[in-house]
Amino acid sequence: MATAPKLAAVQPTGSRLFERHFSPAELAELWSLSEDTIRRMFENEPDVMIFENAERSSSRRRRTLRIPESVAERVYRRLSARPLDKRMPRGV
C-alpha cells in the first residue's frame, strides 16, 4: 500500500493521531477491571476522545470513548508509581 509510508512520514513527533486507540472494553479486559471502572478512570483524562450525541431524545446518555495508548500508559504509570514505603505497613 503506497499511502502507509506517506502517512508515517507526515506524522509529527508526539502526535496521537496515528497511535492505537483503545475502547473501554479493550482496556477493561487487558487490565482485568470492569468497563465502567475504565470509563470513570478516563472520562476526564486529557487527550481522550469522547463522542456523544447531545440531541438524543432518550434519557440514556450514550458516550463512546477512545483512549490513546500514550494516555493509557500515562494513567497506568500514575496509578502504579506509588512509593514503596506508602504501600508497606509500618514496622515490616
PDB file of N, CA and C in Angstrom:
ATOM      1  N   MET A   1       0.846  -1.170   0.000  1.00  0.00           N
ATOM      2  CA  MET A   1       0.000   0.000   0.000  1.00  0.00           C
ATOM      3  C   MET A   1       0.894   1.237   0.000  1.00  0.00           C
ATOM      4  N   ALA A   2       0.696   2.133  -0.924  1.00  0.00           N
ATOM      5  CA  ALA A   2       1.567   3.281  -1.105  1.00  0.00           C
ATOM      6  C   ALA A   2       1.321   4.382  -0.085  1.00  0.00           C
ATOM      7  N   THR A   3       0.152   4.429   0.512  1.00  0.00           N
ATOM      8  CA  THR A   3      -0.147   5.530   1.431  1.00  0.00           C
ATOM      9  C   THR A   3       0.445   5.344   2.818  1.00  0.00           C
ATOM     10  N   ALA A   4       0.699   4.131   3.245  1.00  0.00           N
ATOM     11  CA  ALA A   4       1.219   3.902   4.601  1.00  0.00           C
ATOM     12  C   ALA A   4       2.545   4.611   4.851  1.00  0.00           C
ATOM     13  N   PRO A   5       3.550   4.506   3.955  1.00  0.00           N
ATOM     14  CA  PRO A   5       4.792   5.244   4.203  1.00  0.00           C
ATOM     15  C   PRO A   5       4.586   6.747   4.209  1.00  0.00           C
ATOM     16  N   LYS A   6       3.673   7.236   3.368  1.00  0.00           N
ATOM     17  CA  LYS A   6       3.412   8.674   3.333  1.00  0.00           C
ATOM     18  C   LYS A   6       2.811   9.137   4.649  1.00  0.00           C
ATOM     19  N   LEU A   7       1.857   8.379   5.191  1.00  0.00           N
ATOM     20  CA  LEU A   7       1.249   8.757   6.454  1.00  0.00           C
ATOM     21  C   LEU A   7       2.257   8.736   7.591  1.00  0.00           C
ATOM     22  N   ALA A   8       3.119   7.751   7.588  1.00  0.00           N
ATOM     23  CA  ALA A   8       4.146   7.678   8.625  1.00  0.00           C
ATOM     24  C   ALA A   8       5.107   8.852   8.531  1.00  0.00           C
ATOM     25  N   ALA A   9       5.404   9.287   7.328  1.00  0.00           N
ATOM     26  CA  ALA A   9       6.320  10.408   7.142  1.00  0.00           C
ATOM     27  C   ALA A   9       5.680  11.727   7.575  1.00  0.00           C
ATOM     28  N   VAL A  10       4.364  11.836   7.460  1.00  0.00           N
ATOM     29  CA  VAL A  10       3.661  13.070   7.805  1.00  0.00           C
ATOM     30  C   VAL A  10       3.429  13.201   9.303  1.00  0.00           C
ATOM     31  N   GLN A  11       3.397  12.091  10.013  1.00  0.00           N
ATOM     32  CA  GLN A  11       3.077  12.087  11.437  1.00  0.00           C
ATOM     33  C   GLN A  11       4.087  12.903  12.233  1.00  0.00           C
ATOM     34  N   PRO A  12       3.640  13.974  12.898  1.00  0.00           N
ATOM     35  CA  PRO A  12       4.550  14.748  13.731  1.00  0.00           C
ATOM     36  C   PRO A  12       4.931  13.964  14.984  1.00  0.00           C
ATOM     37  N   THR A  13       6.086  14.265  15.516  1.00  0.00           N
ATOM     38  CA  THR A  13       6.556  13.600  16.721  1.00  0.00           C
ATOM     39  C   THR A  13       5.606  13.900  17.873  1.00  0.00           C
ATOM     40  N   GLY A  14       5.205  12.868  18.597  1.00  0.00           N
ATOM     41  CA  GLY A  14       4.322  13.043  19.743  1.00  0.00           C
ATOM     42  C   GLY A  14       2.852  13.132  19.383  1.00  0.00           C
ATOM     43  N   SER A  15       2.504  12.987  18.113  1.00  0.00           N
ATOM     44  CA  SER A  15       1.106  13.065  17.706  1.00  0.00           C
ATOM     45  C   SER A  15       0.365  11.801  18.112  1.00  0.00           C
ATOM     46  N   ARG A  16      -0.863  11.963  18.579  1.00  0.00           N
ATOM     47  CA  ARG A  16      -1.689  10.821  18.961  1.00  0.00           C
ATOM     48  C   ARG A  16      -2.596  10.387  17.812  1.00  0.00           C
ATOM     49  N   LEU A  17      -2.493  11.066  16.684  1.00  0.00           N
ATOM     50  CA  LEU A  17      -3.379  10.807  15.557  1.00  0.00           C
ATOM     51  C   LEU A  17      -3.296   9.374  15.054  1.00  0.00           C
ATOM     52  N   PHE A  18      -2.107   8.832  14.914  1.00  0.00           N
ATOM     53  CA  PHE A  18      -1.934   7.522  14.307  1.00  0.00           C
ATOM     54  C   PHE A  18      -1.604   6.413  15.309  1.00  0.00           C
ATOM     55  N   GLU A  19      -1.567   6.736  16.588  1.00  0.00           N
ATOM     56  CA  GLU A  19      -1.289   5.685  17.554  1.00  0.00           C
ATOM     57  C   GLU A  19      -2.560   4.880  17.828  1.00  0.00           C
ATOM     58  N   ARG A  20      -2.390   3.727  18.415  1.00  0.00           N
ATOM     59  CA  ARG A  20      -3.521   2.867  18.713  1.00  0.00           C
ATOM     60  C   ARG A  20      -4.430   3.518  19.746  1.00  0.00           C
ATOM     61  N   HIS A  21      -5.729   3.398  19.523  1.00  0.00           N
ATOM     62  CA  HIS A  21      -6.734   3.899  20.454  1.00  0.00           C
ATOM     63  C   HIS A  21      -7.528   2.707  20.971  1.00  0.00           C
ATOM     64  N   PHE A  22      -7.673   2.621  22.293  1.00  0.00           N
ATOM     65  CA  PHE A  22      -8.389   1.520  22.923  1.00  0.00           C
ATOM     66  C   PHE A  22      -9.826   1.923  23.241  1.00  0.00           C
ATOM     67  N   SER A  23     -10.720   0.975  23.169  1.00  0.00           N
ATOM     68  CA  SER A  23     -12.067   1.179  23.698  1.00  0.00           C
ATOM     69  C   SER A  23     -12.020   0.838  25.187  1.00  0.00           C
ATOM     70  N   PRO A  24     -12.982   1.313  25.971  1.00  0.00           N
ATOM     71  CA  PRO A  24     -13.013   0.934  27.384  1.00  0.00           C
ATOM     72  C   PRO A  24     -13.087  -0.587  27.575  1.00  0.00           C
ATOM     73  N   ALA A  25     -13.787  -1.287  26.696  1.00  0.00           N
ATOM     74  CA  ALA A  25     -13.891  -2.748  26.814  1.00  0.00           C
ATOM     75  C   ALA A  25     -12.532  -3.417  26.620  1.00  0.00           C
ATOM     76  N   GLU A  26     -11.735  -2.912  25.678  1.00  0.00           N
ATOM     77  CA  GLU A  26     -10.405  -3.492  25.445  1.00  0.00           C
ATOM     78  C   GLU A  26      -9.494  -3.296  26.651  1.00  0.00           C
ATOM     79  N   LEU A  27      -9.469  -2.080  27.197  1.00  0.00           N
ATOM     80  CA  LEU A  27      -8.631  -1.830  28.373  1.00  0.00           C
ATOM     81  C   LEU A  27      -9.136  -2.590  29.593  1.00  0.00           C
ATOM     82  N   ALA A  28     -10.452  -2.711  29.720  1.00  0.00           N
ATOM     83  CA  ALA A  28     -11.022  -3.456  30.844  1.00  0.00           C
ATOM     84  C   ALA A  28     -10.547  -4.901  30.816  1.00  0.00           C
ATOM     85  N   GLU A  29     -10.509  -5.488  29.641  1.00  0.00           N
ATOM     86  CA  GLU A  29     -10.037  -6.873  29.527  1.00  0.00           C
ATOM     87  C   GLU A  29      -8.539  -6.968  29.805  1.00  0.00           C
ATOM     88  N   LEU A  30      -7.760  -6.043  29.263  1.00  0.00           N
ATOM     89  CA  LEU A  30      -6.309  -6.073  29.472  1.00  0.00           C
ATOM     90  C   LEU A  30      -5.929  -5.879  30.935  1.00  0.00           C
ATOM     91  N   TRP A  31      -6.641  -4.998  31.632  1.00  0.00           N
ATOM     92  CA  TRP A  31      -6.297  -4.657  32.999  1.00  0.00           C
ATOM     93  C   TRP A  31      -7.128  -5.421  34.031  1.00  0.00           C
ATOM     94  N   SER A  32      -8.003  -6.306  33.598  1.00  0.00           N
ATOM     95  CA  SER A  32      -8.879  -7.097  34.486  1.00  0.00           C
ATOM     96  C   SER A  32      -9.714  -6.203  35.402  1.00  0.00           C
ATOM     97  N   LEU A  33     -10.331  -5.197  34.794  1.00  0.00           N
ATOM     98  CA  LEU A  33     -11.230  -4.296  35.506  1.00  0.00           C
ATOM     99  C   LEU A  33     -12.558  -4.270  34.763  1.00  0.00           C
ATOM    100  N   SER A  34     -13.569  -3.676  35.360  1.00  0.00           N
ATOM    101  CA  SER A  34     -14.852  -3.556  34.670  1.00  0.00           C
ATOM    102  C   SER A  34     -14.787  -2.397  33.680  1.00  0.00           C
ATOM    103  N   GLU A  35     -15.638  -2.474  32.669  1.00  0.00           N
ATOM    104  CA  GLU A  35     -15.706  -1.404  31.675  1.00  0.00           C
ATOM    105  C   GLU A  35     -16.129  -0.087  32.318  1.00  0.00           C
ATOM    106  N   ASP A  36     -17.033  -0.149  33.297  1.00  0.00           N
ATOM    107  CA  ASP A  36     -17.462   1.064  33.999  1.00  0.00           C
ATOM    108  C   ASP A  36     -16.307   1.716  34.752  1.00  0.00           C
ATOM    109  N   THR A  37     -15.455   0.908  35.354  1.00  0.00           N
ATOM    110  CA  THR A  37     -14.289   1.447  36.067  1.00  0.00           C
ATOM    111  C   THR A  37     -13.363   2.165  35.095  1.00  0.00           C
ATOM    112  N   ILE A  38     -13.117   1.559  33.945  1.00  0.00           N
ATOM    113  CA  ILE A  38     -12.259   2.185  32.931  1.00  0.00           C
ATOM    114  C   ILE A  38     -12.878   3.492  32.462  1.00  0.00           C
ATOM    115  N   ARG A  39     -14.182   3.504  32.235  1.00  0.00           N
ATOM    116  CA  ARG A  39     -14.852   4.748  31.800  1.00  0.00           C
ATOM    117  C   ARG A  39     -14.677   5.847  32.847  1.00  0.00           C
ATOM    118  N   ARG A  40     -14.864   5.505  34.118  1.00  0.00           N
ATOM    119  CA  ARG A  40     -14.703   6.512  35.182  1.00  0.00           C
ATOM    120  C   ARG A  40     -13.264   7.009  35.264  1.00  0.00           C
ATOM    121  N   MET A  41     -12.304   6.095  35.062  1.00  0.00           N
ATOM    122  CA  MET A  41     -10.889   6.481  35.151  1.00  0.00           C
ATOM    123  C   MET A  41     -10.483   7.449  34.040  1.00  0.00           C
ATOM    124  N   PHE A  42     -11.085   7.302  32.856  1.00  0.00           N
ATOM    125  CA  PHE A  42     -10.603   8.042  31.693  1.00  0.00           C
ATOM    126  C   PHE A  42     -11.528   9.146  31.185  1.00  0.00           C
ATOM    127  N   GLU A  43     -12.752   9.254  31.688  1.00  0.00           N
ATOM    128  CA  GLU A  43     -13.679  10.213  31.102  1.00  0.00           C
ATOM    129  C   GLU A  43     -13.239  11.676  31.280  1.00  0.00           C
ATOM    130  N   ASN A  44     -12.460  11.979  32.291  1.00  0.00           N
ATOM    131  CA  ASN A  44     -11.975  13.350  32.497  1.00  0.00           C
ATOM    132  C   ASN A  44     -10.483  13.498  32.221  1.00  0.00           C
ATOM    133  N   GLU A  45      -9.892  12.477  31.639  1.00  0.00           N
ATOM    134  CA  GLU A  45      -8.451  12.484  31.357  1.00  0.00           C
ATOM    135  C   GLU A  45      -8.189  13.287  30.073  1.00  0.00           C
ATOM    136  N   PRO A  46      -7.185  14.172  30.065  1.00  0.00           N
ATOM    137  CA  PRO A  46      -6.868  14.929  28.851  1.00  0.00           C
ATOM    138  C   PRO A  46      -6.486  13.993  27.703  1.00  0.00           C
ATOM    139  N   ASP A  47      -6.836  14.391  26.492  1.00  0.00           N
ATOM    140  CA  ASP A  47      -6.498  13.716  25.236  1.00  0.00           C
ATOM    141  C   ASP A  47      -7.331  12.474  24.951  1.00  0.00           C
ATOM    142  N   VAL A  48      -8.319  12.143  25.783  1.00  0.00           N
ATOM    143  CA  VAL A  48      -9.227  11.037  25.485  1.00  0.00           C
ATOM    144  C   VAL A  48     -10.317  11.565  24.564  1.00  0.00           C
ATOM    145  N   MET A  49     -10.592  10.808  23.513  1.00  0.00           N
ATOM    146  CA  MET A  49     -11.630  11.214  22.565  1.00  0.00           C
ATOM    147  C   MET A  49     -12.984  10.743  23.084  1.00  0.00           C
ATOM    148  N   ILE A  50     -13.960  11.663  23.125  1.00  0.00           N
ATOM    149  CA  ILE A  50     -15.306  11.331  23.582  1.00  0.00           C
ATOM    150  C   ILE A  50     -16.284  11.748  22.492  1.00  0.00           C
ATOM    151  N   PHE A  51     -17.042  10.771  22.021  1.00  0.00           N
ATOM    152  CA  PHE A  51     -18.070  11.024  21.014  1.00  0.00           C
ATOM    153  C   PHE A  51     -19.416  10.895  21.708  1.00  0.00           C
ATOM    154  N   GLU A  52     -20.238  11.938  21.566  1.00  0.00           N
ATOM    155  CA  GLU A  52     -21.516  11.953  22.257  1.00  0.00           C
ATOM    156  C   GLU A  52     -22.544  12.638  21.368  1.00  0.00           C
ATOM    157  N   ASN A  53     -23.730  12.066  21.306  1.00  0.00           N
ATOM    158  CA  ASN A  53     -24.810  12.686  20.558  1.00  0.00           C
ATOM    159  C   ASN A  53     -25.686  13.431  21.547  1.00  0.00           C
ATOM    160  N   ALA A  54     -25.550  14.737  21.566  1.00  0.00           N
ATOM    161  CA  ALA A  54     -26.275  15.558  22.536  1.00  0.00           C
ATOM    162  C   ALA A  54     -27.753  15.706  22.182  1.00  0.00           C
ATOM    163  N   GLU A  55     -28.137  15.366  20.964  1.00  0.00           N
ATOM    164  CA  GLU A  55     -29.515  15.567  20.526  1.00  0.00           C
ATOM    165  C   GLU A  55     -30.376  14.324  20.648  1.00  0.00           C
ATOM    166  N   ARG A  56     -29.934  13.339  21.396  1.00  0.00           N
ATOM    167  CA  ARG A  56     -30.733  12.114  21.576  1.00  0.00           C
ATOM    168  C   ARG A  56     -32.003  12.435  22.356  1.00  0.00           C
ATOM    169  N   SER A  57     -33.091  11.829  21.951  1.00  0.00           N
ATOM    170  CA  SER A  57     -34.354  12.073  22.643  1.00  0.00           C
ATOM    171  C   SER A  57     -34.534  11.162  23.858  1.00  0.00           C
ATOM    172  N   SER A  58     -33.764  10.081  23.925  1.00  0.00           N
ATOM    173  CA  SER A  58     -33.906   9.177  25.074  1.00  0.00           C
ATOM    174  C   SER A  58     -33.181   9.754  26.289  1.00  0.00           C
ATOM    175  N   SER A  59     -33.521   9.235  27.437  1.00  0.00           N
ATOM    176  CA  SER A  59     -32.910   9.741  28.665  1.00  0.00           C
ATOM    177  C   SER A  59     -31.528   9.145  28.906  1.00  0.00           C
ATOM    178  N   ARG A  60     -31.200   8.056  28.237  1.00  0.00           N
ATOM    179  CA  ARG A  60     -29.904   7.418  28.448  1.00  0.00           C
ATOM    180  C   ARG A  60     -28.822   8.108  27.622  1.00  0.00           C
ATOM    181  N   ARG A  61     -27.777   8.508  28.293  1.00  0.00           N
ATOM    182  CA  ARG A  61     -26.664   9.179  27.620  1.00  0.00           C
ATOM    183  C   ARG A  61     -25.761   8.126  26.980  1.00  0.00           C
ATOM    184  N   ARG A  62     -25.460   8.296  25.717  1.00  0.00           N
ATOM    185  CA  ARG A  62     -24.564   7.381  25.014  1.00  0.00           C
ATOM    186  C   ARG A  62     -23.265   8.105  24.713  1.00  0.00           C
ATOM    187  N   ARG A  63     -22.165   7.571  25.254  1.00  0.00           N
ATOM    188  CA  ARG A  63     -20.855   8.173  25.028  1.00  0.00           C
ATOM    189  C   ARG A  63     -19.907   7.081  24.573  1.00  0.00           C
ATOM    190  N   THR A  64     -19.133   7.390  23.563  1.00  0.00           N
ATOM    191  CA  THR A  64     -18.109   6.476  23.076  1.00  0.00           C
ATOM    192  C   THR A  64     -16.761   7.074  23.408  1.00  0.00           C
ATOM    193  N   LEU A  65     -15.933   6.325  24.118  1.00  0.00           N
ATOM    194  CA  LEU A  65     -14.588   6.782  24.464  1.00  0.00           C
ATOM    195  C   LEU A  65     -13.572   6.029  23.628  1.00  0.00           C
ATOM    196  N   ARG A  66     -12.540   6.728  23.214  1.00  0.00           N
ATOM    197  CA  ARG A  66     -11.379   6.121  22.577  1.00  0.00           C
ATOM    198  C   ARG A  66     -10.160   6.676  23.301  1.00  0.00           C
ATOM    199  N   ILE A  67      -9.367   5.758  23.839  1.00  0.00           N
ATOM    200  CA  ILE A  67      -8.256   6.120  24.714  1.00  0.00           C
ATOM    201  C   ILE A  67      -6.939   5.861  24.000  1.00  0.00           C
ATOM    202  N   PRO A  68      -6.174   6.915  23.686  1.00  0.00           N
ATOM    203  CA  PRO A  68      -4.882   6.717  23.036  1.00  0.00           C
ATOM    204  C   PRO A  68      -3.950   5.892  23.919  1.00  0.00           C
ATOM    205  N   GLU A  69      -3.109   5.108  23.279  1.00  0.00           N
ATOM    206  CA  GLU A  69      -2.175   4.246  24.002  1.00  0.00           C
ATOM    207  C   GLU A  69      -1.295   5.044  24.952  1.00  0.00           C
ATOM    208  N   SER A  70      -0.852   6.227  24.532  1.00  0.00           N
ATOM    209  CA  SER A  70       0.017   7.045  25.387  1.00  0.00           C
ATOM    210  C   SER A  70      -0.724   7.515  26.642  1.00  0.00           C
ATOM    211  N   VAL A  71      -2.014   7.783  26.522  1.00  0.00           N
ATOM    212  CA  VAL A  71      -2.806   8.193  27.680  1.00  0.00           C
ATOM    213  C   VAL A  71      -2.979   7.009  28.636  1.00  0.00           C
ATOM    214  N   ALA A  72      -3.244   5.823  28.086  1.00  0.00           N
ATOM    215  CA  ALA A  72      -3.360   4.623  28.917  1.00  0.00           C
ATOM    216  C   ALA A  72      -2.055   4.366  29.668  1.00  0.00           C
ATOM    217  N   GLU A  73      -0.928   4.542  28.991  1.00  0.00           N
ATOM    218  CA  GLU A  73       0.375   4.363  29.644  1.00  0.00           C
ATOM    219  C   GLU A  73       0.590   5.376  30.750  1.00  0.00           C
ATOM    220  N   ARG A  74       0.204   6.631  30.496  1.00  0.00           N
ATOM    221  CA  ARG A  74       0.362   7.692  31.488  1.00  0.00           C
ATOM    222  C   ARG A  74      -0.456   7.386  32.747  1.00  0.00           C
ATOM    223  N   VAL A  75      -1.706   6.974  32.569  1.00  0.00           N
ATOM    224  CA  VAL A  75      -2.562   6.662  33.711  1.00  0.00           C
ATOM    225  C   VAL A  75      -2.041   5.434  34.445  1.00  0.00           C
ATOM    226  N   TYR A  76      -1.595   4.435  33.710  1.00  0.00           N
ATOM    227  CA  TYR A  76      -1.042   3.226  34.337  1.00  0.00           C
ATOM    228  C   TYR A  76       0.173   3.571  35.190  1.00  0.00           C
ATOM    229  N   ARG A  77       1.091   4.399  34.649  1.00  0.00           N
ATOM    230  CA  ARG A  77       2.276   4.808  35.416  1.00  0.00           C
ATOM    231  C   ARG A  77       1.878   5.599  36.650  1.00  0.00           C
ATOM    232  N   ARG A  78       0.911   6.509  36.499  1.00  0.00           N
ATOM    233  CA  ARG A  78       0.485   7.332  37.627  1.00  0.00           C
ATOM    234  C   ARG A  78      -0.125   6.477  38.736  1.00  0.00           C
ATOM    235  N   LEU A  79      -0.902   5.479  38.375  1.00  0.00           N
ATOM    236  CA  LEU A  79      -1.559   4.635  39.376  1.00  0.00           C
ATOM    237  C   LEU A  79      -0.624   3.604  39.986  1.00  0.00           C
ATOM    238  N   SER A  80       0.405   3.196  39.242  1.00  0.00           N
ATOM    239  CA  SER A  80       1.295   2.159  39.759  1.00  0.00           C
ATOM    240  C   SER A  80       2.582   2.721  40.364  1.00  0.00           C
ATOM    241  N   ALA A  81       2.852   3.999  40.199  1.00  0.00           N
ATOM    242  CA  ALA A  81       4.093   4.599  40.697  1.00  0.00           C
ATOM    243  C   ALA A  81       3.885   5.178  42.087  1.00  0.00           C
ATOM    244  N   ARG A  82       3.616   4.309  43.033  1.00  0.00           N
ATOM    245  CA  ARG A  82       3.472   4.735  44.417  1.00  0.00           C
ATOM    246  C   ARG A  82       4.738   4.349  45.160  1.00  0.00           C
ATOM    247  N   PRO A  83       5.240   5.225  45.994  1.00  0.00           N
ATOM    248  CA  PRO A  83       6.449   4.883  46.748  1.00  0.00           C
ATOM    249  C   PRO A  83       6.251   3.615  47.565  1.00  0.00           C
ATOM    250  N   LEU A  84       7.273   2.823  47.645  1.00  0.00           N
ATOM    251  CA  LEU A  84       7.213   1.541  48.346  1.00  0.00           C
ATOM    252  C   LEU A  84       6.839   1.724  49.812  1.00  0.00           C
ATOM    253  N   ASP A  85       7.358   2.771  50.455  1.00  0.00           N
ATOM    254  CA  ASP A  85       7.087   2.956  51.879  1.00  0.00           C
ATOM    255  C   ASP A  85       5.611   3.239  52.154  1.00  0.00           C
ATOM    256  N   LYS A  86       4.862   3.753  51.205  1.00  0.00           N
ATOM    257  CA  LYS A  86       3.441   4.008  51.420  1.00  0.00           C
ATOM    258  C   LYS A  86       2.608   2.751  51.209  1.00  0.00           C
ATOM    259  N   ARG A  87       3.140   1.777  50.484  1.00  0.00           N
ATOM    260  CA  ARG A  87       2.416   0.523  50.257  1.00  0.00           C
ATOM    261  C   ARG A  87       2.659  -0.480  51.375  1.00  0.00           C
ATOM    262  N   MET A  88       3.793  -0.386  52.027  1.00  0.00           N
ATOM    263  CA  MET A  88       4.161  -1.358  53.068  1.00  0.00           C
ATOM    264  C   MET A  88       3.675  -0.851  54.422  1.00  0.00           C
ATOM    265  N   PRO A  89       3.105  -1.730  55.242  1.00  0.00           N
ATOM    266  CA  PRO A  89       2.719  -1.323  56.600  1.00  0.00           C
ATOM    267  C   PRO A  89       3.961  -1.015  57.429  1.00  0.00           C
ATOM    268  N   ARG A  90       3.830  -0.121  58.349  1.00  0.00           N
ATOM    269  CA  ARG A  90       4.964   0.273  59.203  1.00  0.00           C
ATOM    270  C   ARG A  90       5.404  -0.889  60.070  1.00  0.00           C
ATOM    271  N   GLY A  91       6.702  -0.969  60.307  1.00  0.00           N
ATOM    272  CA  GLY A  91       7.263  -1.992  61.160  1.00  0.00           C
ATOM    273  C   GLY A  91       7.547  -3.293  60.441  1.00  0.00           C
ATOM    274  N   VAL A  92       7.455  -3.280  59.131  1.00  0.00           N
ATOM    275  CA  VAL A  92       7.730  -4.521  58.379  1.00  0.00           C
ATOM    276  C   VAL A  92       9.120  -4.504  57.846  1.00  0.00           C
TER     277      VAL A  92
END
